[in-house]
Amino acid sequence: MRLFGWKPKGKMYSLRCGQCGEGFLSSYHLEAPICGKCLQKAKSLNSTIEHEKQCAGCGAQGVIYGKQYCYSCYFGFQKKQQ
């Protein structure tokens, strides 16, 4: 008797998140496993701006949370435009 109507194609890996320690399934064998919840937290922190700090690269106000650079300097947008 099959409980689910689908069967995964390829291999499935049972991994443990390196941040919170919860187990999750993935179709990829990750070297640094991170679950969906922790990944969303990391993404939201990268989109948070600390307005009181000054960028170490260009001197503009507002840097990415926990970093020393603004978006343009951190992701190299200025280099692509020039």
PDB file of N, CA and C in Angstrom:
ATOM      1  N   MET A   1       0.840  -1.179   0.000  1.00  0.00           N
ATOM      2  CA  MET A   1       0.000   0.000   0.000  1.00  0.00           C
ATOM      3  C   MET A   1       0.887   1.245   0.000  1.00  0.00           C
ATOM      4  N   ARG A   2       0.664   2.126  -0.940  1.00  0.00           N
ATOM      5  CA  ARG A   2       1.436   3.369  -1.038  1.00  0.00           C
ATOM      6  C   ARG A   2       0.655   4.505  -0.378  1.00  0.00           C
ATOM      7  N   LEU A   3       1.303   5.211   0.511  1.00  0.00           N
ATOM      8  CA  LEU A   3       0.646   6.329   1.191  1.00  0.00           C
ATOM      9  C   LEU A   3       0.632   7.581   0.321  1.00  0.00           C
ATOM     10  N   PHE A   4       1.693   7.761  -0.443  1.00  0.00           N
ATOM     11  CA  PHE A   4       1.798   8.951  -1.277  1.00  0.00           C
ATOM     12  C   PHE A   4       1.709   8.541  -2.741  1.00  0.00           C
ATOM     13  N   GLY A   5       1.168   9.407  -3.576  1.00  0.00           N
ATOM     14  CA  GLY A   5       1.011   9.098  -4.985  1.00  0.00           C
ATOM     15  C   GLY A   5       2.226   9.432  -5.824  1.00  0.00           C
ATOM     16  N   TRP A   6       3.299   9.891  -5.210  1.00  0.00           N
ATOM     17  CA  TRP A   6       4.502  10.251  -5.972  1.00  0.00           C
ATOM     18  C   TRP A   6       5.711   9.519  -5.431  1.00  0.00           C
ATOM     19  N   LYS A   7       6.679   9.407  -6.271  1.00  0.00           N
ATOM     20  CA  LYS A   7       7.937   8.786  -5.884  1.00  0.00           C
ATOM     21  C   LYS A   7       9.060   9.705  -6.369  1.00  0.00           C
ATOM     22  N   PRO A   8      10.001  10.061  -5.508  1.00  0.00           N
ATOM     23  CA  PRO A   8      11.058  10.971  -5.938  1.00  0.00           C
ATOM     24  C   PRO A   8      11.939  10.348  -7.013  1.00  0.00           C
ATOM     25  N   LYS A   9      12.308  11.171  -7.991  1.00  0.00           N
ATOM     26  CA  LYS A   9      13.214  10.717  -9.036  1.00  0.00           C
ATOM     27  C   LYS A   9      14.639  11.001  -8.588  1.00  0.00           C
ATOM     28  N   GLY A  10      15.508  10.051  -8.749  1.00  0.00           N
ATOM     29  CA  GLY A  10      16.884  10.236  -8.308  1.00  0.00           C
ATOM     30  C   GLY A  10      17.034   9.945  -6.832  1.00  0.00           C
ATOM     31  N   LYS A  11      18.168  10.343  -6.294  1.00  0.00           N
ATOM     32  CA  LYS A  11      18.461  10.088  -4.885  1.00  0.00           C
ATOM     33  C   LYS A  11      17.899  11.195  -4.002  1.00  0.00           C
ATOM     34  N   MET A  12      17.543  10.813  -2.782  1.00  0.00           N
ATOM     35  CA  MET A  12      17.119  11.770  -1.770  1.00  0.00           C
ATOM     36  C   MET A  12      18.093  11.642  -0.597  1.00  0.00           C
ATOM     37  N   TYR A  13      18.472  12.770  -0.046  1.00  0.00           N
ATOM     38  CA  TYR A  13      19.426  12.783   1.057  1.00  0.00           C
ATOM     39  C   TYR A  13      18.758  13.325   2.309  1.00  0.00           C
ATOM     40  N   SER A  14      18.986  12.660   3.409  1.00  0.00           N
ATOM     41  CA  SER A  14      18.518  13.125   4.703  1.00  0.00           C
ATOM     42  C   SER A  14      19.669  13.915   5.330  1.00  0.00           C
ATOM     43  N   LEU A  15      19.460  15.211   5.519  1.00  0.00           N
ATOM     44  CA  LEU A  15      20.511  16.098   6.006  1.00  0.00           C
ATOM     45  C   LEU A  15      20.101  16.750   7.313  1.00  0.00           C
ATOM     46  N   ARG A  16      21.059  17.259   8.034  1.00  0.00           N
ATOM     47  CA  ARG A  16      20.814  17.996   9.269  1.00  0.00           C
ATOM     48  C   ARG A  16      21.319  19.414   9.062  1.00  0.00           C
ATOM     49  N   CYS A  17      20.479  20.400   9.353  1.00  0.00           N
ATOM     50  CA  CYS A  17      20.811  21.809   9.165  1.00  0.00           C
ATOM     51  C   CYS A  17      22.000  22.194  10.045  1.00  0.00           C
ATOM     52  N   GLY A  18      22.954  22.885   9.461  1.00  0.00           N
ATOM     53  CA  GLY A  18      24.131  23.328  10.196  1.00  0.00           C
ATOM     54  C   GLY A  18      23.855  24.492  11.133  1.00  0.00           C
ATOM     55  N   GLN A  19      22.720  25.183  10.967  1.00  0.00           N
ATOM     56  CA  GLN A  19      22.380  26.323  11.812  1.00  0.00           C
ATOM     57  C   GLN A  19      21.548  25.922  13.023  1.00  0.00           C
ATOM     58  N   CYS A  20      20.398  25.274  12.758  1.00  0.00           N
ATOM     59  CA  CYS A  20      19.469  24.966  13.852  1.00  0.00           C
ATOM     60  C   CYS A  20      19.501  23.502  14.269  1.00  0.00           C
ATOM     61  N   GLY A  21      20.050  22.623  13.440  1.00  0.00           N
ATOM     62  CA  GLY A  21      20.150  21.211  13.795  1.00  0.00           C
ATOM     63  C   GLY A  21      18.950  20.360  13.407  1.00  0.00           C
ATOM     64  N   GLU A  22      17.928  20.941  12.758  1.00  0.00           N
ATOM     65  CA  GLU A  22      16.766  20.164  12.340  1.00  0.00           C
ATOM     66  C   GLU A  22      17.091  19.350  11.102  1.00  0.00           C
ATOM     67  N   GLY A  23      16.442  18.205  10.980  1.00  0.00           N
ATOM     68  CA  GLY A  23      16.631  17.362   9.821  1.00  0.00           C
ATOM     69  C   GLY A  23      15.714  17.781   8.685  1.00  0.00           C
ATOM     70  N   PHE A  24      16.156  17.581   7.441  1.00  0.00           N
ATOM     71  CA  PHE A  24      15.338  17.865   6.277  1.00  0.00           C
ATOM     72  C   PHE A  24      15.804  16.996   5.110  1.00  0.00           C
ATOM     73  N   LEU A  25      14.958  16.884   4.091  1.00  0.00           N
ATOM     74  CA  LEU A  25      15.271  16.094   2.909  1.00  0.00           C
ATOM     75  C   LEU A  25      15.686  17.005   1.769  1.00  0.00           C
ATOM     76  N   SER A  26      16.623  16.537   0.968  1.00  0.00           N
ATOM     77  CA  SER A  26      17.070  17.295  -0.194  1.00  0.00           C
ATOM     78  C   SER A  26      17.425  16.332  -1.312  1.00  0.00           C
ATOM     79  N   SER A  27      17.231  16.767  -2.539  1.00  0.00           N
ATOM     80  CA  SER A  27      17.630  15.943  -3.674  1.00  0.00           C
ATOM     81  C   SER A  27      19.084  16.206  -4.040  1.00  0.00           C
ATOM     82  N   TYR A  28      19.730  17.116  -3.315  1.00  0.00           N
ATOM     83  CA  TYR A  28      21.144  17.433  -3.526  1.00  0.00           C
ATOM     84  C   TYR A  28      21.945  17.064  -2.289  1.00  0.00           C
ATOM     85  N   HIS A  29      23.141  16.557  -2.486  1.00  0.00           N
ATOM     86  CA  HIS A  29      24.039  16.257  -1.374  1.00  0.00           C
ATOM     87  C   HIS A  29      24.836  17.530  -1.076  1.00  0.00           C
ATOM     88  N   LEU A  30      24.378  18.313  -0.114  1.00  0.00           N
ATOM     89  CA  LEU A  30      24.963  19.621   0.190  1.00  0.00           C
ATOM     90  C   LEU A  30      26.151  19.489   1.128  1.00  0.00           C
ATOM     91  N   GLU A  31      27.206  20.249   0.852  1.00  0.00           N
ATOM     92  CA  GLU A  31      28.376  20.243   1.734  1.00  0.00           C
ATOM     93  C   GLU A  31      28.105  21.023   3.011  1.00  0.00           C
ATOM     94  N   ALA A  32      27.358  22.108   2.894  1.00  0.00           N
ATOM     95  CA  ALA A  32      26.987  22.922   4.055  1.00  0.00           C
ATOM     96  C   ALA A  32      25.464  23.005   4.101  1.00  0.00           C
ATOM     97  N   PRO A  33      24.807  21.982   4.650  1.00  0.00           N
ATOM     98  CA  PRO A  33      23.344  21.944   4.625  1.00  0.00           C
ATOM     99  C   PRO A  33      22.707  23.037   5.465  1.00  0.00           C
ATOM    100  N   ILE A  34      21.663  23.641   4.902  1.00  0.00           N
ATOM    101  CA  ILE A  34      20.882  24.653   5.614  1.00  0.00           C
ATOM    102  C   ILE A  34      19.414  24.438   5.240  1.00  0.00           C
ATOM    103  N   CYS A  35      18.557  24.400   6.243  1.00  0.00           N
ATOM    104  CA  CYS A  35      17.133  24.144   5.998  1.00  0.00           C
ATOM    105  C   CYS A  35      16.456  25.398   5.441  1.00  0.00           C
ATOM    106  N   GLY A  36      15.248  25.243   4.994  1.00  0.00           N
ATOM    107  CA  GLY A  36      14.505  26.345   4.396  1.00  0.00           C
ATOM    108  C   GLY A  36      14.249  27.500   5.348  1.00  0.00           C
ATOM    109  N   LYS A  37      13.951  27.194   6.603  1.00  0.00           N
ATOM    110  CA  LYS A  37      13.690  28.250   7.586  1.00  0.00           C
ATOM    111  C   LYS A  37      14.932  29.100   7.823  1.00  0.00           C
ATOM    112  N   CYS A  38      16.071  28.457   8.012  1.00  0.00           N
ATOM    113  CA  CYS A  38      17.317  29.191   8.255  1.00  0.00           C
ATOM    114  C   CYS A  38      17.760  29.953   7.012  1.00  0.00           C
ATOM    115  N   LEU A  39      17.483  29.401   5.838  1.00  0.00           N
ATOM    116  CA  LEU A  39      17.828  30.075   4.592  1.00  0.00           C
ATOM    117  C   LEU A  39      17.017  31.357   4.456  1.00  0.00           C
ATOM    118  N   GLN A  40      15.735  31.309   4.812  1.00  0.00           N
ATOM    119  CA  GLN A  40      14.898  32.509   4.758  1.00  0.00           C
ATOM    120  C   GLN A  40      15.380  33.557   5.747  1.00  0.00           C
ATOM    121  N   LYS A  41      15.816  33.130   6.940  1.00  0.00           N
ATOM    122  CA  LYS A  41      16.352  34.076   7.919  1.00  0.00           C
ATOM    123  C   LYS A  41      17.597  34.759   7.377  1.00  0.00           C
ATOM    124  N   ALA A  42      18.474  33.986   6.758  1.00  0.00           N
ATOM    125  CA  ALA A  42      19.707  34.546   6.196  1.00  0.00           C
ATOM    126  C   ALA A  42      19.390  35.520   5.071  1.00  0.00           C
ATOM    127  N   LYS A  43      18.416  35.187   4.236  1.00  0.00           N
ATOM    128  CA  LYS A  43      18.028  36.084   3.140  1.00  0.00           C
ATOM    129  C   LYS A  43      17.442  37.380   3.681  1.00  0.00           C
ATOM    130  N   SER A  44      16.620  37.289   4.717  1.00  0.00           N
ATOM    131  CA  SER A  44      16.008  38.505   5.269  1.00  0.00           C
ATOM    132  C   SER A  44      17.046  39.383   5.940  1.00  0.00           C
ATOM    133  N   LEU A  45      18.080  38.784   6.553  1.00  0.00           N
ATOM    134  CA  LEU A  45      19.145  39.596   7.152  1.00  0.00           C
ATOM    135  C   LEU A  45      19.954  40.310   6.077  1.00  0.00           C
ATOM    136  N   ASN A  46      20.169  39.672   4.925  1.00  0.00           N
ATOM    137  CA  ASN A  46      20.903  40.297   3.835  1.00  0.00           C
ATOM    138  C   ASN A  46      20.117  41.431   3.196  1.00  0.00           C
ATOM    139  N   SER A  47      18.790  41.449   3.364  1.00  0.00           N
ATOM    140  CA  SER A  47      17.997  42.522   2.790  1.00  0.00           C
ATOM    141  C   SER A  47      17.738  43.630   3.806  1.00  0.00           C
ATOM    142  N   THR A  48      18.278  43.507   5.013  1.00  0.00           N
ATOM    143  CA  THR A  48      18.106  44.521   6.050  1.00  0.00           C
ATOM    144  C   THR A  48      19.248  45.523   5.959  1.00  0.00           C
ATOM    145  N   ILE A  49      18.900  46.791   5.997  1.00  0.00           N
ATOM    146  CA  ILE A  49      19.886  47.867   5.881  1.00  0.00           C
ATOM    147  C   ILE A  49      20.082  48.528   7.248  1.00  0.00           C
ATOM    148  N   GLU A  50      21.313  48.720   7.628  1.00  0.00           N
ATOM    149  CA  GLU A  50      21.646  49.504   8.816  1.00  0.00           C
ATOM    150  C   GLU A  50      21.975  50.913   8.328  1.00  0.00           C
ATOM    151  N   HIS A  51      21.020  51.828   8.489  1.00  0.00           N
ATOM    152  CA  HIS A  51      21.143  53.174   7.935  1.00  0.00           C
ATOM    153  C   HIS A  51      22.148  54.055   8.667  1.00  0.00           C
ATOM    154  N   GLU A  52      22.442  53.737   9.921  1.00  0.00           N
ATOM    155  CA  GLU A  52      23.339  54.600  10.697  1.00  0.00           C
ATOM    156  C   GLU A  52      24.814  54.357  10.392  1.00  0.00           C
ATOM    157  N   LYS A  53      25.140  53.258   9.704  1.00  0.00           N
ATOM    158  CA  LYS A  53      26.535  52.950   9.395  1.00  0.00           C
ATOM    159  C   LYS A  53      26.920  53.458   8.003  1.00  0.00           C
ATOM    160  N   GLN A  54      28.211  53.698   7.825  1.00  0.00           N
ATOM    161  CA  GLN A  54      28.739  54.208   6.567  1.00  0.00           C
ATOM    162  C   GLN A  54      29.508  53.094   5.839  1.00  0.00           C
ATOM    163  N   CYS A  55      29.348  53.019   4.524  1.00  0.00           N
ATOM    164  CA  CYS A  55      29.994  51.995   3.704  1.00  0.00           C
ATOM    165  C   CYS A  55      31.506  52.194   3.701  1.00  0.00           C
ATOM    166  N   ALA A  56      32.245  51.102   3.877  1.00  0.00           N
ATOM    167  CA  ALA A  56      33.709  51.157   3.877  1.00  0.00           C
ATOM    168  C   ALA A  56      34.263  51.331   2.469  1.00  0.00           C
ATOM    169  N   GLY A  57      33.470  51.010   1.443  1.00  0.00           N
ATOM    170  CA  GLY A  57      33.940  51.106   0.064  1.00  0.00           C
ATOM    171  C   GLY A  57      33.753  52.474  -0.544  1.00  0.00           C
ATOM    172  N   CYS A  58      32.500  52.965  -0.549  1.00  0.00           N
ATOM    173  CA  CYS A  58      32.207  54.227  -1.237  1.00  0.00           C
ATOM    174  C   CYS A  58      31.851  55.369  -0.281  1.00  0.00           C
ATOM    175  N   GLY A  59      31.594  55.056   0.986  1.00  0.00           N
ATOM    176  CA  GLY A  59      31.288  56.091   1.967  1.00  0.00           C
ATOM    177  C   GLY A  59      29.818  56.461   2.071  1.00  0.00           C
ATOM    178  N   ALA A  60      28.952  55.774   1.334  1.00  0.00           N
ATOM    179  CA  ALA A  60      27.515  56.063   1.384  1.00  0.00           C
ATOM    180  C   ALA A  60      26.921  55.573   2.702  1.00  0.00           C
ATOM    181  N   GLN A  61      25.842  56.223   3.129  1.00  0.00           N
ATOM    182  CA  GLN A  61      25.141  55.804   4.341  1.00  0.00           C
ATOM    183  C   GLN A  61      24.301  54.566   4.037  1.00  0.00           C
ATOM    184  N   GLY A  62      24.254  53.642   4.964  1.00  0.00           N
ATOM    185  CA  GLY A  62      23.436  52.442   4.831  1.00  0.00           C
ATOM    186  C   GLY A  62      24.235  51.257   4.335  1.00  0.00           C
ATOM    187  N   VAL A  63      24.401  50.262   5.197  1.00  0.00           N
ATOM    188  CA  VAL A  63      25.134  49.046   4.841  1.00  0.00           C
ATOM    189  C   VAL A  63      24.245  47.832   5.088  1.00  0.00           C
ATOM    190  N   ILE A  64      24.596  46.706   4.495  1.00  0.00           N
ATOM    191  CA  ILE A  64      23.877  45.457   4.712  1.00  0.00           C
ATOM    192  C   ILE A  64      24.120  45.028   6.153  1.00  0.00           C
ATOM    193  N   TYR A  65      23.084  44.499   6.794  1.00  0.00           N
ATOM    194  CA  TYR A  65      23.169  44.076   8.186  1.00  0.00           C
ATOM    195  C   TYR A  65      24.337  43.128   8.391  1.00  0.00           C
ATOM    196  N   GLY A  66      25.195  43.441   9.336  1.00  0.00           N
ATOM    197  CA  GLY A  66      26.329  42.601   9.676  1.00  0.00           C
ATOM    198  C   GLY A  66      27.509  42.724   8.729  1.00  0.00           C
ATOM    199  N   LYS A  67      27.440  43.615   7.765  1.00  0.00           N
ATOM    200  CA  LYS A  67      28.527  43.798   6.808  1.00  0.00           C
ATOM    201  C   LYS A  67      29.071  45.223   6.949  1.00  0.00           C
ATOM    202  N   GLN A  68      30.089  45.549   6.161  1.00  0.00           N
ATOM    203  CA  GLN A  68      30.663  46.894   6.190  1.00  0.00           C
ATOM    204  C   GLN A  68      30.441  47.638   4.883  1.00  0.00           C
ATOM    205  N   TYR A  69      29.693  47.023   3.949  1.00  0.00           N
ATOM    206  CA  TYR A  69      29.525  47.594   2.617  1.00  0.00           C
ATOM    207  C   TYR A  69      28.051  47.758   2.250  1.00  0.00           C
ATOM    208  N   CYS A  70      27.772  48.723   1.367  1.00  0.00           N
ATOM    209  CA  CYS A  70      26.421  48.900   0.832  1.00  0.00           C
ATOM    210  C   CYS A  70      26.186  47.828  -0.239  1.00  0.00           C
ATOM    211  N   TYR A  71      24.961  47.755  -0.761  1.00  0.00           N
ATOM    212  CA  TYR A  71      24.643  46.754  -1.772  1.00  0.00           C
ATOM    213  C   TYR A  71      25.537  46.872  -3.003  1.00  0.00           C
ATOM    214  N   SER A  72      25.735  48.096  -3.485  1.00  0.00           N
ATOM    215  CA  SER A  72      26.522  48.301  -4.701  1.00  0.00           C
ATOM    216  C   SER A  72      27.950  47.789  -4.555  1.00  0.00           C
ATOM    217  N   CYS A  73      28.581  48.110  -3.446  1.00  0.00           N
ATOM    218  CA  CYS A  73      29.964  47.673  -3.227  1.00  0.00           C
ATOM    219  C   CYS A  73      30.031  46.180  -2.908  1.00  0.00           C
ATOM    220  N   TYR A  74      29.099  45.682  -2.097  1.00  0.00           N
ATOM    221  CA  TYR A  74      29.140  44.284  -1.674  1.00  0.00           C
ATOM    222  C   TYR A  74      28.945  43.333  -2.852  1.00  0.00           C
ATOM    223  N   PHE A  75      27.991  43.653  -3.742  1.00  0.00           N
ATOM    224  CA  PHE A  75      27.701  42.776  -4.866  1.00  0.00           C
ATOM    225  C   PHE A  75      28.447  43.171  -6.137  1.00  0.00           C
ATOM    226  N   GLY A  76      29.233  44.258  -6.091  1.00  0.00           N
ATOM    227  CA  GLY A  76      30.048  44.660  -7.234  1.00  0.00           C
ATOM    228  C   GLY A  76      29.291  45.316  -8.367  1.00  0.00           C
ATOM    229  N   PHE A  77      28.165  45.981  -8.063  1.00  0.00           N
ATOM    230  CA  PHE A  77      27.374  46.623  -9.109  1.00  0.00           C
ATOM    231  C   PHE A  77      28.113  47.777  -9.767  1.00  0.00           C
ATOM    232  N   GLN A  78      28.920  48.504  -9.014  1.00  0.00           N
ATOM    233  CA  GLN A  78      29.648  49.645  -9.571  1.00  0.00           C
ATOM    234  C   GLN A  78      30.675  49.181 -10.585  1.00  0.00           C
ATOM    235  N   LYS A  79      31.305  48.055 -10.370  1.00  0.00           N
ATOM    236  CA  LYS A  79      32.322  47.530 -11.290  1.00  0.00           C
ATOM    237  C   LYS A  79      31.685  47.138 -12.622  1.00  0.00           C
ATOM    238  N   LYS A  80      30.447  46.594 -12.582  1.00  0.00           N
ATOM    239  CA  LYS A  80      29.773  46.175 -13.802  1.00  0.00           C
ATOM    240  C   LYS A  80      29.353  47.375 -14.644  1.00  0.00           C
ATOM    241  N   GLN A  81      29.006  48.490 -13.999  1.00  0.00           N
ATOM    242  CA  GLN A  81      28.538  49.672 -14.725  1.00  0.00           C
ATOM    243  C   GLN A  81      29.679  50.383 -15.433  1.00  0.00           C
ATOM    244  N   GLN A  82      30.890  50.337 -14.884  1.00  0.00           N
ATOM    245  CA  GLN A  82      32.008  51.069 -15.456  1.00  0.00           C
ATOM    246  C   GLN A  82      32.633  50.363 -16.629  1.00  0.00           C
TER     247      GLN A  82
END
